[in-house]
Amino acid sequence: MFAWNPAWLITVNELASYAMLSALVFHALRDRNA
């Protein structure tokens, strides 16, 4: 569904956004103040 983006760019975007989301969830759980 990614009309005009190369596959590598889609992969990089998805990995980076999942990494950021994971880091935020980890931080929220670690500090116990979500």
All heavy atoms as atom14 arrays in JSON, in Angstrom:
{
  "sequence": "MFAWNPAWLITVNELASYAMLSALVFHALRDRNA",
  "atom14_mask": [
    [1, 1, 1, 1, 1, 1, 1, 1, 0, 0, 0, 0, 0, 0],
    [1, 1, 1, 1, 1, 1, 1, 1, 1, 1, 1, 0, 0, 0],
    [1, 1, 1, 1, 1, 0, 0, 0, 0, 0, 0, 0, 0, 0],
    [1, 1, 1, 1, 1, 1, 1, 1, 1, 1, 1, 1, 1, 1],
    [1, 1, 1, 1, 1, 1, 1, 1, 0, 0, 0, 0, 0, 0],
    [1, 1, 1, 1, 1, 1, 1, 0, 0, 0, 0, 0, 0, 0],
    [1, 1, 1, 1, 1, 0, 0, 0, 0, 0, 0, 0, 0, 0],
    [1, 1, 1, 1, 1, 1, 1, 1, 1, 1, 1, 1, 1, 1],
    [1, 1, 1, 1, 1, 1, 1, 1, 0, 0, 0, 0, 0, 0],
    [1, 1, 1, 1, 1, 1, 1, 1, 0, 0, 0, 0, 0, 0],
    [1, 1, 1, 1, 1, 1, 1, 0, 0, 0, 0, 0, 0, 0],
    [1, 1, 1, 1, 1, 1, 1, 0, 0, 0, 0, 0, 0, 0],
    [1, 1, 1, 1, 1, 1, 1, 1, 0, 0, 0, 0, 0, 0],
    [1, 1, 1, 1, 1, 1, 1, 1, 1, 0, 0, 0, 0, 0],
    [1, 1, 1, 1, 1, 1, 1, 1, 0, 0, 0, 0, 0, 0],
    [1, 1, 1, 1, 1, 0, 0, 0, 0, 0, 0, 0, 0, 0],
    [1, 1, 1, 1, 1, 1, 0, 0, 0, 0, 0, 0, 0, 0],
    [1, 1, 1, 1, 1, 1, 1, 1, 1, 1, 1, 1, 0, 0],
    [1, 1, 1, 1, 1, 0, 0, 0, 0, 0, 0, 0, 0, 0],
    [1, 1, 1, 1, 1, 1, 1, 1, 0, 0, 0, 0, 0, 0],
    [1, 1, 1, 1, 1, 1, 1, 1, 0, 0, 0, 0, 0, 0],
    [1, 1, 1, 1, 1, 1, 0, 0, 0, 0, 0, 0, 0, 0],
    [1, 1, 1, 1, 1, 0, 0, 0, 0, 0, 0, 0, 0, 0],
    [1, 1, 1, 1, 1, 1, 1, 1, 0, 0, 0, 0, 0, 0],
    [1, 1, 1, 1, 1, 1, 1, 0, 0, 0, 0, 0, 0, 0],
    [1, 1, 1, 1, 1, 1, 1, 1, 1, 1, 1, 0, 0, 0],
    [1, 1, 1, 1, 1, 1, 1, 1, 1, 1, 0, 0, 0, 0],
    [1, 1, 1, 1, 1, 0, 0, 0, 0, 0, 0, 0, 0, 0],
    [1, 1, 1, 1, 1, 1, 1, 1, 0, 0, 0, 0, 0, 0],
    [1, 1, 1, 1, 1, 1, 1, 1, 1, 1, 1, 0, 0, 0],
    [1, 1, 1, 1, 1, 1, 1, 1, 0, 0, 0, 0, 0, 0],
    [1, 1, 1, 1, 1, 1, 1, 1, 1, 1, 1, 0, 0, 0],
    [1, 1, 1, 1, 1, 1, 1, 1, 0, 0, 0, 0, 0, 0],
    [1, 1, 1, 1, 1, 0, 0, 0, 0, 0, 0, 0, 0, 0]
  ],
  "atom14_positions": [
    [[0.81, -1.21, 0.0], [0.0, 0.0, 0.0], [0.85, 1.26, 0.0], [0.32, 2.34, 0.09], [-0.92, 0.01, 1.21], [-0.19, -0.01, 2.53], [-1.27, -0.18, 3.94], [-1.66, 1.51, 4.26], [0.0, 0.0, 0.0], [0.0, 0.0, 0.0], [0.0, 0.0, 0.0], [0.0, 0.0, 0.0], [0.0, 0.0, 0.0], [0.0, 0.0, 0.0]],
    [[2.15, 1.14, -0.1], [3.02, 2.3, 0.01], [3.36, 2.78, -1.39], [4.38, 2.4, -1.96], [4.26, 1.95, 0.82], [3.89, 1.31, 2.13], [4.03, -0.05, 2.32], [3.39, 2.07, 3.16], [3.69, -0.63, 3.52], [3.04, 1.5, 4.36], [3.18, 0.15, 4.55], [0.0, 0.0, 0.0], [0.0, 0.0, 0.0], [0.0, 0.0, 0.0]],
    [[2.53, 3.63, -1.92], [2.5, 3.96, -3.34], [3.85, 4.32, -3.95], [4.2, 3.8, -4.99], [1.53, 5.1, -3.56], [0.0, 0.0, 0.0], [0.0, 0.0, 0.0], [0.0, 0.0, 0.0], [0.0, 0.0, 0.0], [0.0, 0.0, 0.0], [0.0, 0.0, 0.0], [0.0, 0.0, 0.0], [0.0, 0.0, 0.0], [0.0, 0.0, 0.0]],
    [[4.6, 5.18, -3.35], [5.79, 5.68, -4.04], [7.04, 5.63, -3.18], [7.91, 6.47, -3.3], [5.57, 7.09, -4.55], [4.96, 7.99, -3.53], [5.59, 8.62, -2.5], [3.6, 8.35, -3.43], [4.71, 9.35, -1.78], [3.47, 9.2, -2.32], [2.46, 8.04, -4.17], [2.25, 9.74, -1.94], [1.26, 8.58, -3.78], [1.17, 9.41, -2.68]],
    [[7.12, 4.65, -2.31], [8.29, 4.54, -1.45], [9.02, 3.23, -1.69], [8.41, 2.18, -1.82], [7.87, 4.6, 0.01], [7.27, 5.92, 0.35], [7.94, 6.94, 0.29], [6.0, 5.93, 0.69], [0.0, 0.0, 0.0], [0.0, 0.0, 0.0], [0.0, 0.0, 0.0], [0.0, 0.0, 0.0], [0.0, 0.0, 0.0], [0.0, 0.0, 0.0]],
    [[10.36, 3.29, -1.74], [11.13, 2.06, -1.89], [10.97, 1.17, -0.65], [10.75, 1.67, 0.46], [12.57, 2.53, -2.05], [12.58, 4.0, -1.87], [11.19, 4.49, -1.71], [0.0, 0.0, 0.0], [0.0, 0.0, 0.0], [0.0, 0.0, 0.0], [0.0, 0.0, 0.0], [0.0, 0.0, 0.0], [0.0, 0.0, 0.0], [0.0, 0.0, 0.0]],
    [[11.11, -0.12, -0.83], [10.91, -1.08, 0.27], [11.87, -0.82, 1.43], [11.47, -0.95, 2.6], [11.09, -2.5, -0.27], [0.0, 0.0, 0.0], [0.0, 0.0, 0.0], [0.0, 0.0, 0.0], [0.0, 0.0, 0.0], [0.0, 0.0, 0.0], [0.0, 0.0, 0.0], [0.0, 0.0, 0.0], [0.0, 0.0, 0.0], [0.0, 0.0, 0.0]],
    [[13.11, -0.44, 1.16], [14.07, -0.21, 2.24], [13.62, 0.95, 3.12], [13.81, 0.94, 4.33], [15.47, 0.03, 1.7], [15.62, 1.28, 0.89], [15.51, 1.4, -0.47], [15.87, 2.59, 1.39], [15.68, 2.71, -0.84], [15.9, 3.47, 0.28], [16.07, 3.13, 2.65], [16.12, 4.83, 0.4], [16.3, 4.49, 2.77], [16.32, 5.32, 1.66]],
    [[13.02, 1.98, 2.51], [12.56, 3.14, 3.27], [11.38, 2.78, 4.17], [11.31, 3.22, 5.31], [12.19, 4.27, 2.31], [11.74, 5.57, 2.94], [12.83, 6.14, 3.83], [11.37, 6.57, 1.86], [0.0, 0.0, 0.0], [0.0, 0.0, 0.0], [0.0, 0.0, 0.0], [0.0, 0.0, 0.0], [0.0, 0.0, 0.0], [0.0, 0.0, 0.0]],
    [[10.49, 1.97, 3.66], [9.36, 1.51, 4.47], [9.87, 0.72, 5.67], [9.44, 0.92, 6.8], [8.41, 0.65, 3.61], [7.81, 1.5, 2.49], [7.32, 0.03, 4.47], [7.19, 0.68, 1.39], [0.0, 0.0, 0.0], [0.0, 0.0, 0.0], [0.0, 0.0, 0.0], [0.0, 0.0, 0.0], [0.0, 0.0, 0.0], [0.0, 0.0, 0.0]],
    [[10.82, -0.17, 5.43], [11.4, -0.98, 6.51], [12.08, -0.11, 7.55], [11.88, -0.3, 8.76], [12.39, -2.0, 5.92], [11.72, -2.79, 4.94], [12.95, -2.89, 7.0], [0.0, 0.0, 0.0], [0.0, 0.0, 0.0], [0.0, 0.0, 0.0], [0.0, 0.0, 0.0], [0.0, 0.0, 0.0], [0.0, 0.0, 0.0], [0.0, 0.0, 0.0]],
    [[12.87, 0.86, 7.12], [13.56, 1.76, 8.05], [12.55, 2.54, 8.88], [12.68, 2.67, 10.1], [14.51, 2.71, 7.3], [14.99, 3.84, 8.19], [15.69, 1.95, 6.73], [0.0, 0.0, 0.0], [0.0, 0.0, 0.0], [0.0, 0.0, 0.0], [0.0, 0.0, 0.0], [0.0, 0.0, 0.0], [0.0, 0.0, 0.0], [0.0, 0.0, 0.0]],
    [[11.5, 3.05, 8.23], [10.48, 3.81, 8.96], [9.77, 2.95, 10.0], [9.54, 3.4, 11.13], [9.44, 4.38, 8.0], [9.95, 5.58, 7.27], [10.85, 6.26, 7.73], [9.4, 5.85, 6.12], [0.0, 0.0, 0.0], [0.0, 0.0, 0.0], [0.0, 0.0, 0.0], [0.0, 0.0, 0.0], [0.0, 0.0, 0.0], [0.0, 0.0, 0.0]],
    [[9.42, 1.75, 9.61], [8.72, 0.88, 10.55], [9.61, 0.48, 11.72], [9.18, 0.51, 12.88], [8.18, -0.34, 9.83], [7.04, 0.05, 8.9], [6.45, -1.12, 8.17], [6.86, -2.27, 8.41], [5.55, -0.89, 7.35], [0.0, 0.0, 0.0], [0.0, 0.0, 0.0], [0.0, 0.0, 0.0], [0.0, 0.0, 0.0], [0.0, 0.0, 0.0]],
    [[10.86, 0.14, 11.45], [11.77, -0.24, 12.53], [12.04, 0.94, 13.47], [12.03, 0.78, 14.69], [13.07, -0.78, 11.96], [12.98, -2.12, 11.25], [14.33, -2.49, 10.63], [12.51, -3.21, 12.19], [0.0, 0.0, 0.0], [0.0, 0.0, 0.0], [0.0, 0.0, 0.0], [0.0, 0.0, 0.0], [0.0, 0.0, 0.0], [0.0, 0.0, 0.0]],
    [[12.25, 2.12, 12.9], [12.52, 3.3, 13.73], [11.32, 3.67, 14.58], [11.46, 4.0, 15.77], [12.93, 4.48, 12.85], [0.0, 0.0, 0.0], [0.0, 0.0, 0.0], [0.0, 0.0, 0.0], [0.0, 0.0, 0.0], [0.0, 0.0, 0.0], [0.0, 0.0, 0.0], [0.0, 0.0, 0.0], [0.0, 0.0, 0.0], [0.0, 0.0, 0.0]],
    [[10.12, 3.6, 13.99], [8.93, 3.97, 14.77], [8.64, 2.93, 15.85], [8.23, 3.29, 16.96], [7.72, 4.17, 13.86], [7.44, 3.02, 13.12], [0.0, 0.0, 0.0], [0.0, 0.0, 0.0], [0.0, 0.0, 0.0], [0.0, 0.0, 0.0], [0.0, 0.0, 0.0], [0.0, 0.0, 0.0], [0.0, 0.0, 0.0], [0.0, 0.0, 0.0]],
    [[8.86, 1.65, 15.56], [8.69, 0.62, 16.6], [9.74, 0.78, 17.7], [9.45, 0.58, 18.88], [8.77, -0.79, 16.01], [7.47, -1.28, 15.44], [7.39, -1.73, 14.13], [6.31, -1.31, 16.2], [6.21, -2.19, 13.6], [5.12, -1.76, 15.67], [5.07, -2.2, 14.37], [3.9, -2.65, 13.86], [0.0, 0.0, 0.0], [0.0, 0.0, 0.0]],
    [[10.95, 1.13, 17.32], [12.01, 1.33, 18.32], [11.67, 2.51, 19.23], [11.85, 2.43, 20.46], [13.35, 1.56, 17.62], [0.0, 0.0, 0.0], [0.0, 0.0, 0.0], [0.0, 0.0, 0.0], [0.0, 0.0, 0.0], [0.0, 0.0, 0.0], [0.0, 0.0, 0.0], [0.0, 0.0, 0.0], [0.0, 0.0, 0.0], [0.0, 0.0, 0.0]],
    [[11.17, 3.6, 18.66], [10.79, 4.76, 19.46], [9.64, 4.41, 20.4], [9.66, 4.76, 21.59], [10.41, 5.93, 18.56], [9.99, 7.18, 19.31], [11.3, 8.0, 20.22], [12.14, 8.88, 18.92], [0.0, 0.0, 0.0], [0.0, 0.0, 0.0], [0.0, 0.0, 0.0], [0.0, 0.0, 0.0], [0.0, 0.0, 0.0], [0.0, 0.0, 0.0]],
    [[8.66, 3.7, 19.89], [7.52, 3.28, 20.71], [7.98, 2.36, 21.83], [7.57, 2.52, 22.99], [6.46, 2.6, 19.84], [5.16, 2.21, 20.53], [4.48, 3.41, 21.18], [4.23, 1.55, 19.52], [0.0, 0.0, 0.0], [0.0, 0.0, 0.0], [0.0, 0.0, 0.0], [0.0, 0.0, 0.0], [0.0, 0.0, 0.0], [0.0, 0.0, 0.0]],
    [[8.85, 1.43, 21.52], [9.37, 0.51, 22.54], [10.17, 1.25, 23.6], [10.04, 0.97, 24.8], [10.27, -0.55, 21.89], [9.54, -1.31, 20.98], [0.0, 0.0, 0.0], [0.0, 0.0, 0.0], [0.0, 0.0, 0.0], [0.0, 0.0, 0.0], [0.0, 0.0, 0.0], [0.0, 0.0, 0.0], [0.0, 0.0, 0.0], [0.0, 0.0, 0.0]],
    [[10.98, 2.22, 23.18], [11.76, 3.01, 24.14], [10.85, 3.8, 25.07], [11.1, 3.88, 26.28], [12.72, 3.94, 23.39], [0.0, 0.0, 0.0], [0.0, 0.0, 0.0], [0.0, 0.0, 0.0], [0.0, 0.0, 0.0], [0.0, 0.0, 0.0], [0.0, 0.0, 0.0], [0.0, 0.0, 0.0], [0.0, 0.0, 0.0], [0.0, 0.0, 0.0]],
    [[9.8, 4.37, 24.53], [8.86, 5.14, 25.36], [8.12, 4.25, 26.35], [7.94, 4.61, 27.52], [7.87, 5.9, 24.48], [8.41, 7.16, 23.86], [7.5, 7.65, 22.75], [8.6, 8.23, 24.91], [0.0, 0.0, 0.0], [0.0, 0.0, 0.0], [0.0, 0.0, 0.0], [0.0, 0.0, 0.0], [0.0, 0.0, 0.0], [0.0, 0.0, 0.0]],
    [[7.69, 3.08, 25.9], [7.0, 2.15, 26.8], [7.96, 1.67, 27.89], [7.61, 1.62, 29.07], [6.39, 0.97, 26.01], [5.91, -0.13, 26.94], [5.25, 1.46, 25.13], [0.0, 0.0, 0.0], [0.0, 0.0, 0.0], [0.0, 0.0, 0.0], [0.0, 0.0, 0.0], [0.0, 0.0, 0.0], [0.0, 0.0, 0.0], [0.0, 0.0, 0.0]],
    [[9.19, 1.34, 27.51], [10.2, 0.93, 28.47], [10.44, 2.03, 29.51], [10.5, 1.78, 30.71], [11.51, 0.57, 27.76], [12.64, 0.26, 28.69], [12.71, -0.96, 29.33], [13.63, 1.2, 28.93], [13.75, -1.26, 30.2], [14.67, 0.93, 29.8], [14.74, -0.3, 30.43], [0.0, 0.0, 0.0], [0.0, 0.0, 0.0], [0.0, 0.0, 0.0]],
    [[10.56, 3.26, 29.03], [10.78, 4.39, 29.93], [9.6, 4.58, 30.89], [9.8, 4.81, 32.08], [11.01, 5.66, 29.13], [11.06, 6.9, 29.96], [12.05, 7.14, 30.87], [10.22, 7.96, 30.03], [11.83, 8.31, 31.46], [10.72, 8.81, 30.97], [0.0, 0.0, 0.0], [0.0, 0.0, 0.0], [0.0, 0.0, 0.0], [0.0, 0.0, 0.0]],
    [[8.4, 4.47, 30.35], [7.2, 4.64, 31.19], [7.12, 3.56, 32.26], [6.78, 3.84, 33.42], [5.95, 4.62, 30.32], [0.0, 0.0, 0.0], [0.0, 0.0, 0.0], [0.0, 0.0, 0.0], [0.0, 0.0, 0.0], [0.0, 0.0, 0.0], [0.0, 0.0, 0.0], [0.0, 0.0, 0.0], [0.0, 0.0, 0.0], [0.0, 0.0, 0.0]],
    [[7.45, 2.33, 31.9], [7.4, 1.23, 32.88], [8.55, 1.33, 33.88], [8.37, 1.04, 35.06], [7.46, -0.11, 32.15], [6.26, -0.43, 31.27], [6.5, -1.72, 30.49], [4.99, -0.53, 32.11], [0.0, 0.0, 0.0], [0.0, 0.0, 0.0], [0.0, 0.0, 0.0], [0.0, 0.0, 0.0], [0.0, 0.0, 0.0], [0.0, 0.0, 0.0]],
    [[9.71, 1.75, 33.42], [10.88, 1.85, 34.29], [10.71, 2.93, 35.35], [11.05, 2.73, 36.52], [12.12, 2.13, 33.45], [13.41, 2.03, 34.23], [14.61, 2.31, 33.34], [15.45, 3.23, 34.07], [15.74, 4.47, 33.72], [15.27, 4.95, 32.6], [16.49, 5.23, 34.45], [0.0, 0.0, 0.0], [0.0, 0.0, 0.0], [0.0, 0.0, 0.0]],
    [[10.19, 4.07, 34.94], [10.03, 5.18, 35.87], [8.75, 5.08, 36.7], [8.55, 5.87, 37.6], [10.05, 6.51, 35.12], [11.45, 6.93, 34.75], [12.4, 6.2, 35.1], [11.59, 7.98, 34.11], [0.0, 0.0, 0.0], [0.0, 0.0, 0.0], [0.0, 0.0, 0.0], [0.0, 0.0, 0.0], [0.0, 0.0, 0.0], [0.0, 0.0, 0.0]],
    [[7.88, 4.13, 36.37], [6.63, 3.91, 37.09], [5.78, 5.18, 37.18], [5.07, 5.41, 38.14], [6.88, 3.36, 38.49], [7.41, 1.95, 38.5], [7.52, 1.47, 39.92], [7.84, 0.12, 40.22], [8.59, -0.74, 39.61], [9.13, -0.44, 38.5], [8.81, -1.94, 40.08], [0.0, 0.0, 0.0], [0.0, 0.0, 0.0], [0.0, 0.0, 0.0]],
    [[5.9, 6.01, 36.19], [5.11, 7.23, 36.12], [4.75, 7.47, 34.66], [5.27, 8.38, 34.02], [5.87, 8.41, 36.71], [4.93, 9.49, 37.18], [3.75, 9.49, 36.81], [5.43, 10.41, 37.97], [0.0, 0.0, 0.0], [0.0, 0.0, 0.0], [0.0, 0.0, 0.0], [0.0, 0.0, 0.0], [0.0, 0.0, 0.0], [0.0, 0.0, 0.0]],
    [[3.87, 6.63, 34.14], [3.57, 6.61, 32.71], [2.83, 7.85, 32.22], [2.79, 8.1, 31.02], [2.74, 5.37, 32.38], [0.0, 0.0, 0.0], [0.0, 0.0, 0.0], [0.0, 0.0, 0.0], [0.0, 0.0, 0.0], [0.0, 0.0, 0.0], [0.0, 0.0, 0.0], [0.0, 0.0, 0.0], [0.0, 0.0, 0.0], [0.0, 0.0, 0.0]]
  ]
}
